[in-house]
């Protein structure tokens, strides 16, 4: 068996993590064809197939799974050793990659990141926007931003961005044609703009007042998977939409949207930054966590 270089193993690890040649190539800064060629070279030198490839999927073979499990910890140790060199600098250096839903990225993550980057010129940040609850580690991210109830128990979670609140809104022209609801149940009689998660599940609108909690399954002519599009559809008079308050507060103040059921929309716990508890956070992430804890 001819020897396999560590650089080649890095290529294999990226493919194994992402289960995608395109995403692995993006991480390594090369082309998918170059990555495929590198993998073919590894397999030829080992005389083993490590990855099963079709036009639609990428999956590790049993040998590939074994190699991935044995080599990954060693490469993490190398990353940690290199990260330790940040202790010899006045400021951390390196890359920081986040996974977040569009709402979380827009409302809390990007504003904090831009302020953080002004204080840490040696850190480069990438935000991967994804509505699905992906495996953050498998996607090669350092941390994610989600609501607390969706975070696995083996993660470290840090509050970011303060409390959030829902706003139920529609265009003034919509309420010229339809009555304004005074209770959440009345939404069932109005055309609403529904939201579908990346998992395929429809969101049931959540309300609470005086200890009474309601989940309302709304109906309407339009279903979307992006809150920005929902707000635009509401501005166009398509129906009633739900949004985060901070997303629409200026539109409400300008009279472009009308808010209803405000007394049924209490504040609740907001977003959390989370990362794996089983390994030490890299220096750029530790600096970012310190920044948000200090109110950055």
Protein backbone atom coordinates (compact mmCIF):
# COMPACT_ATOMS: atom_id res chain seq x y z
CA UNK A 1 0.00 0.00 0.00
CA UNK A 2 1.43 3.37 -1.01
CA UNK A 3 1.40 6.09 1.68
CA UNK A 4 -1.44 8.62 1.87
CA UNK A 5 -0.48 12.24 2.61
CA UNK A 6 -2.22 14.16 5.43
CA UNK A 7 -3.42 16.75 2.90
CA UNK A 8 -5.24 13.98 1.04
CA UNK A 9 -6.88 12.86 4.29
CA UNK A 10 -8.12 16.42 4.80
CA UNK A 11 -9.88 16.12 1.45
CA UNK A 12 -11.46 12.83 2.47
CA UNK A 13 -12.59 14.24 5.84
CA UNK A 14 -14.31 17.20 4.17
CA UNK A 15 -16.20 14.85 1.84
CA UNK A 16 -17.13 12.60 4.76
CA UNK A 17 -18.42 15.49 6.87
CA UNK A 18 -20.53 17.13 4.19
CA UNK A 19 -21.63 14.07 2.19
CA UNK A 20 -21.31 16.45 -0.76
CA UNK A 21 -18.41 17.13 -3.13
CA UNK A 22 -19.66 20.66 -3.81
CA UNK A 23 -19.89 21.71 -0.16
CA UNK A 24 -16.59 20.01 0.67
CA UNK A 25 -14.95 21.81 -2.25
CA UNK A 26 -16.35 25.13 -1.02
CA UNK A 27 -14.81 24.48 2.40
CA UNK A 28 -11.39 23.62 0.95
CA UNK A 29 -11.40 26.31 -1.73
CA UNK A 30 -11.11 23.97 -4.72
CA UNK A 31 -13.36 22.55 -7.42
CA UNK A 32 -15.53 19.43 -6.99
CA UNK A 33 -13.67 17.77 -9.86
CA UNK A 34 -10.31 18.36 -8.15
CA UNK A 35 -11.71 16.89 -4.95
CA UNK A 36 -13.06 13.86 -6.81
CA UNK A 37 -9.64 13.35 -8.38
CA UNK A 38 -7.98 13.57 -4.93
CA UNK A 39 -10.37 11.00 -3.48
CA UNK A 40 -9.79 8.66 -6.41
CA UNK A 41 -6.06 8.88 -5.71
CA UNK A 42 -6.55 7.99 -2.05
CA UNK A 43 -8.74 5.00 -2.92
CA UNK A 44 -6.24 3.76 -5.49
CA UNK A 45 -3.34 3.98 -3.02
CA UNK A 46 -5.34 2.20 -0.31
CA UNK A 47 -6.87 -0.23 -2.80
CA UNK A 48 -10.20 0.36 -1.04
CA UNK A 49 -13.38 2.19 -1.91
CA UNK A 50 -14.11 4.78 0.77
CA UNK A 51 -17.09 6.58 -0.74
CA UNK A 52 -20.05 5.37 -2.77
CA UNK A 53 -21.04 8.05 -5.28
CA UNK A 54 -24.12 8.40 -7.43
CA UNK A 55 -25.52 11.40 -9.28
CA UNK A 56 -27.79 12.05 -6.29
CA UNK A 57 -25.96 10.97 -3.16
CA UNK A 58 -22.61 10.52 -1.44
CA UNK A 59 -22.25 7.89 1.30
CA UNK A 60 -19.30 6.36 3.12
CA UNK A 61 -18.52 2.69 2.75
CA UNK A 62 -17.82 0.60 5.85
CA UNK A 63 -14.09 1.21 5.30
CA UNK A 64 -14.76 4.93 4.85
CA UNK A 65 -16.76 5.06 8.08
CA UNK A 66 -13.93 3.31 9.93
CA UNK A 67 -11.28 5.67 8.55
CA UNK A 68 -13.42 8.74 9.30
CA UNK A 69 -13.97 7.65 12.91
CA UNK A 70 -10.25 7.00 13.49
CA UNK A 71 -8.79 10.03 11.71
CA UNK A 72 -11.26 12.78 12.73
CA UNK A 73 -10.10 13.02 16.39
CA UNK A 74 -6.47 13.32 15.29
CA UNK A 75 -7.27 16.21 12.97
CA UNK A 76 -9.29 17.88 15.73
CA UNK A 77 -6.23 17.62 17.97
CA UNK A 78 -4.14 19.27 15.25
CA UNK A 79 -6.71 22.07 14.93
CA UNK A 80 -6.66 22.57 18.70
CA UNK A 81 -2.86 22.68 18.74
CA UNK A 82 -2.80 25.33 16.03
CA UNK A 83 -5.54 27.23 17.82
CA UNK A 84 -3.39 27.32 20.96
CA UNK A 85 -1.00 29.62 19.07
CA UNK A 86 -3.66 32.33 19.40
CA UNK A 87 -2.51 32.62 23.02
CA UNK A 88 0.72 34.19 21.73
CA UNK A 89 -1.17 36.91 19.87
CA UNK A 90 -2.90 39.94 21.26
CA UNK A 91 -6.06 39.02 19.34
CA UNK A 92 -7.47 35.74 17.96
CA UNK A 93 -7.08 34.93 14.30
CA UNK A 94 -8.91 32.46 12.09
CA UNK A 95 -12.28 31.64 10.60
CA UNK A 96 -15.64 31.45 12.36
CA UNK A 97 -18.56 29.69 10.65
CA UNK A 98 -22.16 29.90 11.88
CA UNK A 99 -25.35 28.08 10.94
CA UNK A 100 -28.60 30.00 11.50
CA UNK A 101 -32.15 30.32 10.29
CA UNK A 102 -32.85 33.41 8.18
CA UNK A 103 -34.77 35.08 10.99
CA UNK A 104 -32.01 34.44 13.52
CA UNK A 105 -29.33 35.64 11.12
CA UNK A 106 -31.22 38.82 10.27
CA UNK A 107 -32.47 39.73 13.74
CA UNK A 108 -29.61 38.87 16.07
CA UNK A 109 -26.57 37.25 14.49
CA UNK A 110 -25.56 39.64 11.71
CA UNK A 111 -25.84 42.82 13.85
CA UNK A 112 -23.65 41.25 16.55
CA UNK A 113 -21.19 39.83 14.02
CA UNK A 114 -20.63 43.19 12.33
CA UNK A 115 -19.90 44.85 15.69
CA UNK A 116 -17.63 41.93 16.67
CA UNK A 117 -15.64 42.11 13.43
CA UNK A 118 -14.92 45.78 14.05
CA UNK A 119 -13.07 44.74 17.22
CA UNK A 120 -11.44 41.58 15.83
CA UNK A 121 -9.85 42.29 12.42
CA UNK A 122 -8.06 38.92 12.44
CA UNK A 123 -11.31 36.91 12.38
CA UNK A 124 -13.19 36.06 9.18
CA UNK A 125 -16.86 35.11 9.57
CA UNK A 126 -19.16 33.04 7.37
CA UNK A 127 -22.90 32.70 8.06
CA UNK A 128 -24.64 29.70 6.51
CA UNK A 129 -28.38 30.45 6.35
CA UNK A 130 -30.48 27.30 6.51
CA UNK A 131 -34.06 26.88 7.71
CA UNK A 132 -33.55 23.18 8.45
CA UNK A 133 -32.21 21.85 11.74
CA UNK A 134 -28.97 20.55 10.26
CA UNK A 135 -26.13 18.71 11.98
CA UNK A 136 -23.98 21.74 12.70
CA UNK A 137 -20.79 19.72 13.24
CA UNK A 138 -21.29 17.68 10.08
CA UNK A 139 -21.74 20.90 8.13
CA UNK A 140 -18.36 22.13 9.37
CA UNK A 141 -19.76 24.99 11.49
CA UNK A 142 -18.31 26.24 14.75
CA UNK A 143 -21.65 27.31 16.23
CA UNK A 144 -25.32 27.70 15.43
CA UNK A 145 -28.13 30.11 16.37
CA UNK A 146 -31.59 28.70 17.20
CA UNK A 147 -34.37 28.93 19.74
CA UNK A 148 -33.53 27.21 23.02
CA UNK A 149 -36.14 24.46 22.77
CA UNK A 150 -34.65 23.17 19.50
CA UNK A 151 -31.09 22.76 20.81
CA UNK A 152 -29.82 19.29 21.74
CA UNK A 153 -28.89 18.71 25.38
CA UNK A 154 -25.26 17.87 24.57
CA UNK A 155 -24.67 21.43 23.36
CA UNK A 156 -23.47 24.48 25.28
CA UNK A 157 -26.03 27.29 24.82
CA UNK A 158 -25.44 31.02 25.34
CA UNK A 159 -28.27 33.62 25.05
CA UNK A 160 -27.86 36.10 22.21
CA UNK A 161 -30.02 39.02 21.16
CA UNK A 162 -32.48 39.31 24.05
CA UNK A 163 -36.16 38.39 24.17
CA UNK A 164 -38.33 38.09 21.07
CA UNK A 165 -42.00 38.69 20.35
CA UNK A 166 -44.36 37.76 17.53
CA UNK A 167 -46.39 40.32 15.59
CA UNK A 168 -49.56 39.47 13.62
CA UNK A 169 -49.88 41.89 10.71
CA UNK A 170 -51.64 42.63 7.44
CA UNK A 171 -51.80 45.53 5.00
CA UNK A 172 -54.32 48.35 5.64
CA UNK A 173 -55.99 47.45 2.33
CA UNK A 174 -56.53 43.90 3.58
CA UNK A 175 -58.53 45.13 6.55
CA UNK A 176 -60.62 47.28 4.26
CA UNK A 177 -61.95 43.98 2.86
CA UNK A 178 -61.84 41.81 5.98
CA UNK A 179 -62.69 42.32 9.68
CA UNK A 180 -59.88 42.71 12.17
CA UNK A 181 -59.64 39.66 14.45
CA UNK A 182 -60.06 40.26 18.17
CA UNK A 183 -59.22 36.69 19.19
CA UNK A 184 -56.81 34.12 17.72
CA UNK A 185 -59.68 31.75 16.81
CA UNK A 186 -61.02 34.33 14.33
CA UNK A 187 -57.88 33.85 12.23
CA UNK A 188 -59.43 30.56 11.05
CA UNK A 189 -61.99 32.63 9.10
CA UNK A 190 -59.39 34.86 7.44
CA UNK A 191 -56.93 34.18 4.59
CA UNK A 192 -53.55 33.79 6.26
CA UNK A 193 -50.06 33.37 4.88
CA UNK A 194 -48.87 30.00 6.14
CA UNK A 195 -45.28 29.06 6.97
CA UNK A 196 -43.77 25.66 6.19
CA UNK A 197 -40.55 24.55 7.88
CA UNK A 198 -37.78 22.95 5.84
CA UNK A 199 -38.81 19.65 7.44
CA UNK A 200 -42.18 19.94 5.69
CA UNK A 201 -44.17 20.69 8.84
CA UNK A 202 -46.62 23.61 8.79
CA UNK A 203 -46.24 26.09 11.64
CA UNK A 204 -49.24 26.43 13.96
CA UNK A 205 -49.44 30.03 15.17
CA UNK A 206 -48.80 30.29 18.91
CA UNK A 207 -50.56 32.69 21.29
CA UNK A 208 -50.73 33.25 25.04
CA UNK A 209 -52.68 35.59 27.29
CA UNK A 210 -53.38 35.40 31.00
CA UNK A 211 -52.00 31.89 31.23
CA UNK A 212 -54.15 30.65 28.33
CA UNK A 213 -52.10 29.16 25.49
CA UNK A 214 -53.49 28.57 21.99
CA UNK A 215 -52.04 26.91 18.88
CA UNK A 216 -54.00 27.94 15.79
CA UNK A 217 -53.79 26.06 12.49
CA UNK A 218 -54.45 28.84 10.01
CA UNK A 219 -55.45 28.47 6.37
CA UNK A 220 -54.95 30.62 3.32
CA UNK A 221 -54.06 30.81 -0.36
CA UNK A 222 -50.28 31.16 0.07
CA UNK A 223 -47.70 29.03 1.88
CA UNK A 224 -44.06 30.14 2.12
CA UNK A 225 -40.85 28.97 3.74
CA UNK A 226 -39.25 32.36 4.31
CA UNK A 227 -40.41 35.07 6.69
CA UNK A 228 -39.07 37.86 4.52
CA UNK A 229 -41.31 36.67 1.71
CA UNK A 230 -44.24 36.41 4.14
CA UNK A 231 -43.81 40.05 5.11
CA UNK A 232 -43.67 41.07 1.45
CA UNK A 233 -46.84 39.08 0.73
CA UNK A 234 -48.56 40.80 3.66
CA UNK A 235 -47.50 44.20 2.28
CA UNK A 236 -49.08 43.18 -1.03
CA UNK A 237 -52.38 42.48 0.74
CA UNK A 238 -52.40 38.70 0.27
CA UNK A 239 -53.36 37.90 3.86
CA UNK A 240 -52.49 37.99 7.54
CA UNK A 241 -48.89 37.10 8.40
CA UNK A 242 -46.92 36.40 11.54
CA UNK A 243 -43.42 37.80 11.92
CA UNK A 244 -40.93 38.69 14.59
CA UNK A 245 -41.78 42.11 16.01
CA UNK A 246 -38.37 43.57 15.18
CA UNK A 247 -38.84 42.60 11.52
CA UNK A 248 -41.98 44.70 11.08
CA UNK A 249 -41.89 47.41 13.75
CA UNK A 250 -40.79 50.11 11.28
CA UNK A 251 -43.42 49.03 8.73
CA UNK A 252 -46.10 49.27 11.41
CA UNK A 253 -44.88 52.73 12.47
CA UNK A 254 -44.97 53.86 8.83
CA UNK A 255 -48.56 52.65 8.43
CA UNK A 256 -47.64 50.08 5.79
CA UNK A 257 -48.76 47.21 8.03
CA UNK A 258 -51.47 47.03 10.68
CA UNK A 259 -50.91 44.99 13.83
CA UNK A 260 -53.64 42.91 15.46
CA UNK A 261 -53.90 40.59 18.49
CA UNK A 262 -50.99 42.35 20.18
CA UNK A 263 -52.29 41.42 23.64
CA UNK A 264 -52.04 37.73 22.63
CA UNK A 265 -48.34 38.04 21.71
CA UNK A 266 -46.19 38.02 24.88
CA UNK A 267 -42.43 38.20 25.03
CA UNK A 268 -40.62 34.87 25.21
CA UNK A 269 -37.08 33.56 25.43
CA UNK A 270 -35.04 34.49 22.40
CA UNK A 271 -32.22 32.91 20.41
CA UNK A 272 -29.21 31.02 21.69
CA UNK A 273 -25.74 30.52 20.29
CA UNK A 274 -24.82 26.86 20.72
CA UNK A 275 -21.75 24.71 20.11
CA UNK A 276 -20.60 21.15 20.96
CA UNK A 277 -19.74 20.55 24.60
CA UNK A 278 -17.48 17.61 23.79
CA UNK A 279 -14.65 19.73 22.40
CA UNK A 280 -13.05 23.02 23.28
CA UNK A 281 -14.33 26.06 21.43
CA UNK A 282 -11.74 27.58 19.05
CA UNK A 283 -10.24 30.96 19.96
CA UNK A 284 -12.37 33.05 17.54
CA UNK A 285 -15.55 31.46 18.95
CA UNK A 286 -14.39 32.00 22.54
CA UNK A 287 -13.78 35.66 21.70
CA UNK A 288 -17.24 35.94 20.13
CA UNK A 289 -18.89 34.37 23.20
CA UNK A 290 -17.06 36.79 25.49
CA UNK A 291 -18.20 39.63 23.23
CA UNK A 292 -21.92 38.76 23.47
CA UNK A 293 -21.69 38.08 27.22
CA UNK A 294 -20.27 41.58 27.63
CA UNK A 295 -23.27 42.99 25.75
CA UNK A 296 -21.52 43.49 22.40
